[in-house]
Amino acid sequence: MSKISDALANADTLAHVERVWAENKPNSPIYNFLLSEISLTFASKGVVRARLQLTKNHVNSKGGLHGTVSACLIDWVGGLAIAAYDLREKTGVSTDIHITYISSAREGDWVEVEGKASKVGGTLAFTRATISKVVGEEPGPIVATGTHTKFVKI
């Protein structure tokens, strides 16, 4: 594919992922609460990136990114990476999720979350995700990584 056709395909994928997110958001109280301000920034086949500025709702009692928020981000971006893989509407249900906490981010920091669909089959899909603190305009130190398996035969 040429760079122009790649860009058009990526724009179509991003539009699809944005639609899936817009349809799912009002039906998920936890996503609506924690991720209402997240911005999708990129999508291509099986890859999604988004950015979120952390607020008091995202941090723990010590002021660092709460582990449940990291898990929520990894769950969320994994599902959207599956949607980006083959432009499906339904992204399945979680069967397994693992998070490794590496460093932290604080209220006011921006984080970038990237999800990649490693394999999407007829029954299961496997994704991996990285949450990084944004430094300048680029992803910087890794905050957490995760893997996520979803049952997609629904």
N, C-alpha and C. Protein backbone atom coordinates (compact mmCIF):
# COMPACT_ATOMS: atom_id res chain seq x y z
N MET A 1 0.84 -1.18 0.00
CA MET A 1 0.00 0.00 0.00
C MET A 1 0.88 1.24 0.00
N SER A 2 0.39 2.29 -0.59
CA SER A 2 1.12 3.55 -0.59
C SER A 2 0.87 4.27 0.73
N LYS A 3 1.67 5.30 0.98
CA LYS A 3 1.48 6.08 2.21
C LYS A 3 0.10 6.72 2.25
N ILE A 4 -0.40 7.15 1.10
CA ILE A 4 -1.73 7.76 1.05
C ILE A 4 -2.80 6.73 1.36
N SER A 5 -2.72 5.55 0.76
CA SER A 5 -3.73 4.53 1.04
C SER A 5 -3.62 4.02 2.48
N ASP A 6 -2.39 3.96 3.02
CA ASP A 6 -2.22 3.61 4.44
C ASP A 6 -2.91 4.64 5.32
N ALA A 7 -2.71 5.92 5.01
CA ALA A 7 -3.31 6.99 5.81
C ALA A 7 -4.83 6.92 5.74
N LEU A 8 -5.38 6.64 4.56
CA LEU A 8 -6.83 6.54 4.41
C LEU A 8 -7.36 5.34 5.18
N ALA A 9 -6.66 4.21 5.10
CA ALA A 9 -7.08 3.02 5.84
C ALA A 9 -7.03 3.28 7.34
N ASN A 10 -5.97 3.96 7.80
CA ASN A 10 -5.86 4.28 9.22
C ASN A 10 -6.96 5.24 9.65
N ALA A 11 -7.31 6.21 8.79
CA ALA A 11 -8.39 7.14 9.12
C ALA A 11 -9.72 6.40 9.23
N ASP A 12 -9.96 5.45 8.33
CA ASP A 12 -11.18 4.63 8.41
C ASP A 12 -11.19 3.79 9.68
N THR A 13 -10.04 3.23 10.03
CA THR A 13 -9.94 2.41 11.25
C THR A 13 -10.18 3.28 12.48
N LEU A 14 -9.58 4.46 12.52
CA LEU A 14 -9.78 5.36 13.65
C LEU A 14 -11.25 5.76 13.77
N ALA A 15 -11.89 6.06 12.65
CA ALA A 15 -13.31 6.42 12.67
C ALA A 15 -14.15 5.26 13.21
N HIS A 16 -13.81 4.04 12.81
CA HIS A 16 -14.54 2.86 13.30
C HIS A 16 -14.35 2.71 14.80
N VAL A 17 -13.11 2.81 15.27
CA VAL A 17 -12.82 2.66 16.69
C VAL A 17 -13.53 3.75 17.49
N GLU A 18 -13.54 4.97 16.98
CA GLU A 18 -14.25 6.06 17.66
C GLU A 18 -15.75 5.76 17.76
N ARG A 19 -16.33 5.17 16.72
CA ARG A 19 -17.75 4.78 16.74
C ARG A 19 -18.01 3.71 17.80
N VAL A 20 -17.15 2.68 17.81
CA VAL A 20 -17.31 1.60 18.80
C VAL A 20 -17.22 2.18 20.21
N TRP A 21 -16.25 3.07 20.45
CA TRP A 21 -16.10 3.69 21.76
C TRP A 21 -17.34 4.53 22.10
N ALA A 22 -17.82 5.31 21.16
CA ALA A 22 -19.00 6.15 21.41
C ALA A 22 -20.23 5.31 21.75
N GLU A 23 -20.35 4.15 21.13
CA GLU A 23 -21.49 3.27 21.40
C GLU A 23 -21.35 2.55 22.74
N ASN A 24 -20.13 2.19 23.12
CA ASN A 24 -19.91 1.45 24.37
C ASN A 24 -19.87 2.33 25.61
N LYS A 25 -19.37 3.54 25.46
CA LYS A 25 -19.14 4.42 26.61
C LYS A 25 -20.39 4.62 27.48
N PRO A 26 -21.55 4.97 26.91
CA PRO A 26 -22.71 5.22 27.78
C PRO A 26 -23.23 3.96 28.48
N ASN A 27 -22.86 2.79 27.98
CA ASN A 27 -23.32 1.53 28.56
C ASN A 27 -22.38 0.97 29.62
N SER A 28 -21.28 1.66 29.88
CA SER A 28 -20.30 1.18 30.85
C SER A 28 -20.04 2.27 31.89
N PRO A 29 -20.68 2.18 33.04
CA PRO A 29 -20.49 3.22 34.05
C PRO A 29 -19.02 3.44 34.44
N ILE A 30 -18.24 2.37 34.54
CA ILE A 30 -16.84 2.53 34.96
C ILE A 30 -16.03 3.23 33.87
N TYR A 31 -16.22 2.84 32.62
CA TYR A 31 -15.53 3.53 31.52
C TYR A 31 -15.98 4.99 31.46
N ASN A 32 -17.27 5.21 31.59
CA ASN A 32 -17.80 6.56 31.52
C ASN A 32 -17.24 7.44 32.63
N PHE A 33 -17.05 6.86 33.82
CA PHE A 33 -16.51 7.62 34.95
C PHE A 33 -15.01 7.87 34.79
N LEU A 34 -14.24 6.82 34.53
CA LEU A 34 -12.78 6.94 34.51
C LEU A 34 -12.23 7.46 33.19
N LEU A 35 -12.89 7.15 32.08
CA LEU A 35 -12.30 7.43 30.77
C LEU A 35 -13.11 8.42 29.94
N SER A 36 -13.97 9.19 30.56
CA SER A 36 -14.82 10.11 29.80
C SER A 36 -14.01 11.15 29.03
N GLU A 37 -12.81 11.47 29.50
CA GLU A 37 -11.99 12.50 28.86
C GLU A 37 -10.85 11.93 28.01
N ILE A 38 -10.81 10.62 27.82
CA ILE A 38 -9.73 10.03 27.02
C ILE A 38 -9.89 10.41 25.56
N SER A 39 -8.78 10.61 24.87
CA SER A 39 -8.80 10.98 23.45
C SER A 39 -8.08 9.93 22.63
N LEU A 40 -8.79 9.36 21.70
CA LEU A 40 -8.16 8.44 20.74
C LEU A 40 -7.29 9.26 19.81
N THR A 41 -6.05 8.83 19.63
CA THR A 41 -5.11 9.59 18.80
C THR A 41 -4.65 8.85 17.55
N PHE A 42 -4.80 7.52 17.53
CA PHE A 42 -4.31 6.74 16.39
C PHE A 42 -4.97 5.38 16.39
N ALA A 43 -5.23 4.88 15.19
CA ALA A 43 -5.67 3.49 15.04
C ALA A 43 -5.24 2.99 13.67
N SER A 44 -4.77 1.76 13.65
CA SER A 44 -4.49 1.05 12.41
C SER A 44 -4.89 -0.40 12.68
N LYS A 45 -4.68 -1.29 11.74
CA LYS A 45 -5.10 -2.68 11.91
C LYS A 45 -4.51 -3.26 13.20
N GLY A 46 -5.37 -3.46 14.20
CA GLY A 46 -4.96 -4.09 15.44
C GLY A 46 -4.19 -3.23 16.42
N VAL A 47 -4.08 -1.93 16.15
CA VAL A 47 -3.32 -1.03 17.03
C VAL A 47 -4.17 0.20 17.34
N VAL A 48 -4.20 0.57 18.61
CA VAL A 48 -4.93 1.77 19.04
C VAL A 48 -4.07 2.51 20.05
N ARG A 49 -4.04 3.85 19.93
CA ARG A 49 -3.38 4.69 20.92
C ARG A 49 -4.34 5.78 21.38
N ALA A 50 -4.21 6.14 22.65
CA ALA A 50 -5.05 7.20 23.22
C ALA A 50 -4.28 7.90 24.32
N ARG A 51 -4.74 9.11 24.67
CA ARG A 51 -4.11 9.88 25.74
C ARG A 51 -5.16 10.35 26.74
N LEU A 52 -4.72 10.42 27.99
CA LEU A 52 -5.59 10.82 29.08
C LEU A 52 -4.79 11.65 30.07
N GLN A 53 -5.35 12.80 30.47
CA GLN A 53 -4.74 13.56 31.55
C GLN A 53 -5.34 13.06 32.86
N LEU A 54 -4.47 12.71 33.78
CA LEU A 54 -4.91 12.13 35.04
C LEU A 54 -5.50 13.20 35.96
N THR A 55 -6.62 12.84 36.59
CA THR A 55 -7.29 13.72 37.55
C THR A 55 -7.30 13.04 38.92
N LYS A 56 -7.90 13.69 39.90
CA LYS A 56 -7.99 13.11 41.24
C LYS A 56 -8.75 11.79 41.22
N ASN A 57 -9.60 11.56 40.23
CA ASN A 57 -10.34 10.30 40.12
C ASN A 57 -9.46 9.14 39.69
N HIS A 58 -8.25 9.41 39.22
CA HIS A 58 -7.36 8.38 38.69
C HIS A 58 -6.24 7.98 39.64
N VAL A 59 -6.11 8.66 40.76
CA VAL A 59 -4.96 8.41 41.63
C VAL A 59 -5.37 7.76 42.95
N ASN A 60 -4.39 7.09 43.56
CA ASN A 60 -4.63 6.42 44.85
C ASN A 60 -4.35 7.38 46.01
N SER A 61 -4.40 6.87 47.22
CA SER A 61 -4.22 7.70 48.41
C SER A 61 -2.81 8.28 48.52
N LYS A 62 -1.86 7.72 47.80
CA LYS A 62 -0.48 8.22 47.79
C LYS A 62 -0.24 9.20 46.64
N GLY A 63 -1.27 9.42 45.81
CA GLY A 63 -1.16 10.38 44.71
C GLY A 63 -0.67 9.80 43.40
N GLY A 64 -0.44 8.48 43.35
CA GLY A 64 0.00 7.84 42.11
C GLY A 64 -1.15 7.21 41.36
N LEU A 65 -0.93 6.94 40.10
CA LEU A 65 -1.95 6.29 39.27
C LEU A 65 -2.45 5.03 39.97
N HIS A 66 -3.75 4.94 40.18
CA HIS A 66 -4.33 3.79 40.88
C HIS A 66 -4.24 2.55 40.00
N GLY A 67 -3.93 1.42 40.62
CA GLY A 67 -3.80 0.16 39.88
C GLY A 67 -5.06 -0.23 39.15
N THR A 68 -6.22 0.07 39.73
CA THR A 68 -7.46 -0.29 39.03
C THR A 68 -7.66 0.55 37.79
N VAL A 69 -7.15 1.77 37.78
CA VAL A 69 -7.25 2.61 36.58
C VAL A 69 -6.35 2.03 35.49
N SER A 70 -5.15 1.59 35.87
CA SER A 70 -4.27 0.94 34.90
C SER A 70 -4.94 -0.29 34.30
N ALA A 71 -5.56 -1.10 35.15
CA ALA A 71 -6.26 -2.29 34.67
C ALA A 71 -7.41 -1.91 33.74
N CYS A 72 -8.13 -0.86 34.10
CA CYS A 72 -9.24 -0.39 33.27
C CYS A 72 -8.73 0.05 31.90
N LEU A 73 -7.63 0.80 31.88
CA LEU A 73 -7.06 1.26 30.61
C LEU A 73 -6.62 0.08 29.74
N ILE A 74 -6.01 -0.92 30.35
CA ILE A 74 -5.53 -2.09 29.60
C ILE A 74 -6.71 -2.88 29.05
N ASP A 75 -7.75 -3.02 29.84
CA ASP A 75 -8.99 -3.68 29.40
C ASP A 75 -9.60 -2.92 28.23
N TRP A 76 -9.73 -1.61 28.39
CA TRP A 76 -10.36 -0.75 27.39
C TRP A 76 -9.60 -0.76 26.06
N VAL A 77 -8.29 -0.53 26.12
CA VAL A 77 -7.52 -0.42 24.88
C VAL A 77 -7.39 -1.78 24.19
N GLY A 78 -7.38 -2.86 24.97
CA GLY A 78 -7.36 -4.19 24.37
C GLY A 78 -8.61 -4.45 23.54
N GLY A 79 -9.76 -4.09 24.09
CA GLY A 79 -11.01 -4.25 23.34
C GLY A 79 -11.01 -3.43 22.06
N LEU A 80 -10.54 -2.20 22.14
CA LEU A 80 -10.53 -1.36 20.94
C LEU A 80 -9.49 -1.83 19.92
N ALA A 81 -8.39 -2.42 20.38
CA ALA A 81 -7.42 -3.00 19.44
C ALA A 81 -8.05 -4.16 18.67
N ILE A 82 -8.91 -4.92 19.34
CA ILE A 82 -9.64 -6.00 18.66
C ILE A 82 -10.59 -5.40 17.62
N ALA A 83 -11.29 -4.33 17.99
CA ALA A 83 -12.18 -3.66 17.03
C ALA A 83 -11.39 -3.14 15.83
N ALA A 84 -10.18 -2.66 16.08
CA ALA A 84 -9.34 -2.14 15.00
C ALA A 84 -8.74 -3.24 14.14
N TYR A 85 -8.68 -4.45 14.66
CA TYR A 85 -8.07 -5.55 13.92
C TYR A 85 -8.84 -5.89 12.65
N ASP A 86 -10.15 -6.02 12.79
CA ASP A 86 -10.96 -6.41 11.61
C ASP A 86 -12.27 -5.63 11.52
N LEU A 87 -12.29 -4.48 12.16
CA LEU A 87 -13.43 -3.56 12.13
C LEU A 87 -14.72 -4.18 12.66
N ARG A 88 -14.58 -5.03 13.66
CA ARG A 88 -15.77 -5.64 14.28
C ARG A 88 -16.39 -4.65 15.27
N GLU A 89 -17.66 -4.88 15.55
CA GLU A 89 -18.41 -4.05 16.49
C GLU A 89 -18.29 -4.59 17.91
N LYS A 90 -18.37 -5.89 18.07
CA LYS A 90 -18.34 -6.52 19.39
C LYS A 90 -16.92 -7.00 19.67
N THR A 91 -16.42 -6.64 20.85
CA THR A 91 -15.02 -6.93 21.16
C THR A 91 -14.84 -8.02 22.20
N GLY A 92 -15.91 -8.70 22.58
CA GLY A 92 -15.81 -9.85 23.45
C GLY A 92 -15.86 -9.53 24.92
N VAL A 93 -15.64 -10.57 25.72
CA VAL A 93 -15.62 -10.45 27.18
C VAL A 93 -14.28 -10.97 27.70
N SER A 94 -13.83 -10.37 28.77
CA SER A 94 -12.52 -10.72 29.33
C SER A 94 -12.52 -12.12 29.91
N THR A 95 -11.45 -12.85 29.63
CA THR A 95 -11.24 -14.15 30.27
C THR A 95 -9.99 -14.13 31.14
N ASP A 96 -9.07 -13.21 30.86
CA ASP A 96 -7.81 -13.18 31.58
C ASP A 96 -7.17 -11.81 31.37
N ILE A 97 -6.63 -11.25 32.43
CA ILE A 97 -5.92 -9.97 32.30
C ILE A 97 -4.77 -9.97 33.30
N HIS A 98 -3.61 -9.51 32.85
CA HIS A 98 -2.42 -9.41 33.71
C HIS A 98 -1.84 -8.01 33.55
N ILE A 99 -1.49 -7.41 34.67
CA ILE A 99 -0.89 -6.09 34.65
C ILE A 99 0.42 -6.14 35.43
N THR A 100 1.45 -5.53 34.86
CA THR A 100 2.72 -5.35 35.56
C THR A 100 2.90 -3.86 35.79
N TYR A 101 3.00 -3.49 37.06
CA TYR A 101 3.16 -2.08 37.44
C TYR A 101 4.65 -1.78 37.52
N ILE A 102 5.10 -0.82 36.73
CA ILE A 102 6.53 -0.56 36.59
C ILE A 102 6.95 0.74 37.27
N SER A 103 6.18 1.80 37.05
CA SER A 103 6.45 3.09 37.69
C SER A 103 5.10 3.76 37.93
N SER A 104 5.08 5.05 38.07
CA SER A 104 3.81 5.70 38.35
C SER A 104 3.69 7.01 37.60
N ALA A 105 2.50 7.56 37.66
CA ALA A 105 2.20 8.89 37.14
C ALA A 105 1.30 9.54 38.18
N ARG A 106 1.22 10.87 38.14
CA ARG A 106 0.49 11.61 39.16
C ARG A 106 -0.61 12.46 38.55
N GLU A 107 -1.47 12.97 39.41
CA GLU A 107 -2.53 13.87 38.96
C GLU A 107 -1.92 15.01 38.15
N GLY A 108 -2.53 15.30 37.01
CA GLY A 108 -2.03 16.34 36.11
C GLY A 108 -1.15 15.80 35.00
N ASP A 109 -0.53 14.63 35.21
CA ASP A 109 0.29 14.01 34.16
C ASP A 109 -0.60 13.52 33.03
N TRP A 110 -0.04 13.49 31.85
CA TRP A 110 -0.69 12.85 30.70
C TRP A 110 -0.09 11.46 30.55
N VAL A 111 -0.94 10.49 30.25
CA VAL A 111 -0.47 9.15 29.93
C VAL A 111 -0.95 8.78 28.53
N GLU A 112 -0.14 7.96 27.88
CA GLU A 112 -0.53 7.39 26.59
C GLU A 112 -0.69 5.90 26.79
N VAL A 113 -1.78 5.37 26.29
CA VAL A 113 -2.03 3.94 26.35
C VAL A 113 -2.05 3.42 24.91
N GLU A 114 -1.31 2.34 24.68
CA GLU A 114 -1.28 1.72 23.36
C GLU A 114 -1.66 0.26 23.50
N GLY A 115 -2.61 -0.16 22.69
CA GLY A 115 -3.02 -1.56 22.67
C GLY A 115 -2.74 -2.17 21.32
N LYS A 116 -2.32 -3.43 21.34
CA LYS A 116 -2.05 -4.17 20.10
C LYS A 116 -2.72 -5.53 20.18
N ALA A 117 -3.44 -5.88 19.14
CA ALA A 117 -4.03 -7.21 19.05
C ALA A 117 -2.96 -8.15 18.52
N SER A 118 -2.50 -9.06 19.36
CA SER A 118 -1.47 -10.01 18.96
C SER A 118 -2.03 -11.10 18.06
N LYS A 119 -3.25 -11.57 18.41
CA LYS A 119 -3.93 -12.58 17.60
C LYS A 119 -5.43 -12.45 17.85
N VAL A 120 -6.19 -12.45 16.78
CA VAL A 120 -7.64 -12.45 16.89
C VAL A 120 -8.14 -13.67 16.13
N GLY A 121 -8.67 -14.63 16.87
CA GLY A 121 -9.19 -15.84 16.27
C GLY A 121 -10.71 -15.86 16.30
N GLY A 122 -11.26 -17.02 16.01
CA GLY A 122 -12.71 -17.16 16.01
C GLY A 122 -13.30 -17.27 17.40
N THR A 123 -12.50 -17.67 18.38
CA THR A 123 -12.99 -17.84 19.74
C THR A 123 -12.31 -16.89 20.72
N LEU A 124 -11.00 -16.76 20.63
CA LEU A 124 -10.25 -15.93 21.56
C LEU A 124 -9.44 -14.86 20.83
N ALA A 125 -9.22 -13.76 21.52
CA ALA A 125 -8.33 -12.71 21.03
C ALA A 125 -7.33 -12.40 22.14
N PHE A 126 -6.10 -12.12 21.74
CA PHE A 126 -5.01 -11.86 22.68
C PHE A 126 -4.46 -10.47 22.39
N THR A 127 -4.39 -9.65 23.42
CA THR A 127 -3.87 -8.29 23.24
C THR A 127 -2.77 -8.02 24.26
N ARG A 128 -1.99 -6.98 23.96
CA ARG A 128 -1.00 -6.50 24.91
C ARG A 128 -1.08 -4.97 24.90
N ALA A 129 -0.74 -4.39 26.02
CA ALA A 129 -0.89 -2.94 26.16
C ALA A 129 0.26 -2.35 26.96
N THR A 130 0.52 -1.08 26.70
CA THR A 130 1.53 -0.32 27.42
C THR A 130 0.93 1.02 27.81
N ILE A 131 1.13 1.39 29.06
CA ILE A 131 0.77 2.73 29.53
C ILE A 131 2.08 3.46 29.80
N SER A 132 2.25 4.62 29.17
CA SER A 132 3.48 5.41 29.33
C SER A 132 3.12 6.81 29.79
N LYS A 133 4.00 7.40 30.59
CA LYS A 133 3.84 8.80 30.93
C LYS A 133 4.32 9.62 29.74
N VAL A 134 3.57 10.65 29.38
CA VAL A 134 3.96 11.50 28.25
C VAL A 134 4.94 12.55 28.77
N VAL A 135 6.08 12.66 28.06
CA VAL A 135 7.10 13.65 28.38
C VAL A 135 7.28 14.50 27.13
N GLY A 136 7.04 15.80 27.25
CA GLY A 136 7.01 16.63 26.06
C GLY A 136 5.79 16.22 25.25
N GLU A 137 6.00 15.80 24.05
CA GLU A 137 4.90 15.30 23.22
C GLU A 137 5.02 13.80 22.95
N GLU A 138 6.03 13.17 23.53
CA GLU A 138 6.31 11.77 23.23
C GLU A 138 6.05 10.87 24.44
N PRO A 139 5.72 9.59 24.17
CA PRO A 139 5.62 8.65 25.29
C PRO A 139 6.99 8.51 25.95
N GLY A 140 6.99 8.56 27.27
CA GLY A 140 8.23 8.47 28.02
C GLY A 140 8.29 7.20 28.84
N PRO A 141 8.56 7.33 30.13
CA PRO A 141 8.72 6.14 30.98
C PRO A 141 7.46 5.28 30.98
N ILE A 142 7.67 3.98 30.94
CA ILE A 142 6.55 3.04 30.99
C ILE A 142 6.03 2.98 32.43
N VAL A 143 4.72 3.12 32.56
CA VAL A 143 4.06 3.07 33.86
C VAL A 143 3.57 1.66 34.15
N ALA A 144 2.98 1.02 33.15
CA ALA A 144 2.46 -0.35 33.33
C ALA A 144 2.36 -1.02 31.97
N THR A 145 2.44 -2.34 31.99
CA THR A 145 2.19 -3.14 30.79
C THR A 145 1.16 -4.19 31.16
N GLY A 146 0.53 -4.73 30.14
CA GLY A 146 -0.44 -5.77 30.43
C GLY A 146 -0.74 -6.64 29.23
N THR A 147 -1.32 -7.78 29.52
CA THR A 147 -1.85 -8.67 28.49
C THR A 147 -3.30 -8.93 28.84
N HIS A 148 -4.08 -9.19 27.80
CA HIS A 148 -5.52 -9.32 27.99
C HIS A 148 -6.04 -10.34 26.98
N THR A 149 -6.76 -11.32 27.47
CA THR A 149 -7.38 -12.32 26.61
C THR A 149 -8.88 -12.13 26.67
N LYS A 150 -9.52 -12.16 25.50
CA LYS A 150 -10.97 -11.98 25.44
C LYS A 150 -11.62 -13.10 24.65
N PHE A 151 -12.77 -13.52 25.12
CA PHE A 151 -13.61 -14.48 24.41
C PHE A 151 -14.42 -13.67 23.40
N VAL A 152 -14.21 -13.92 22.11
CA VAL A 152 -14.82 -13.09 21.08
C VAL A 152 -15.90 -13.81 20.27
N LYS A 153 -16.17 -15.06 20.60
CA LYS A 153 -17.18 -15.82 19.85
C LYS A 153 -18.55 -15.54 20.46
N ILE A 154 -19.01 -14.30 20.26
CA ILE A 154 -20.31 -13.90 20.82
C ILE A 154 -21.21 -13.33 19.75
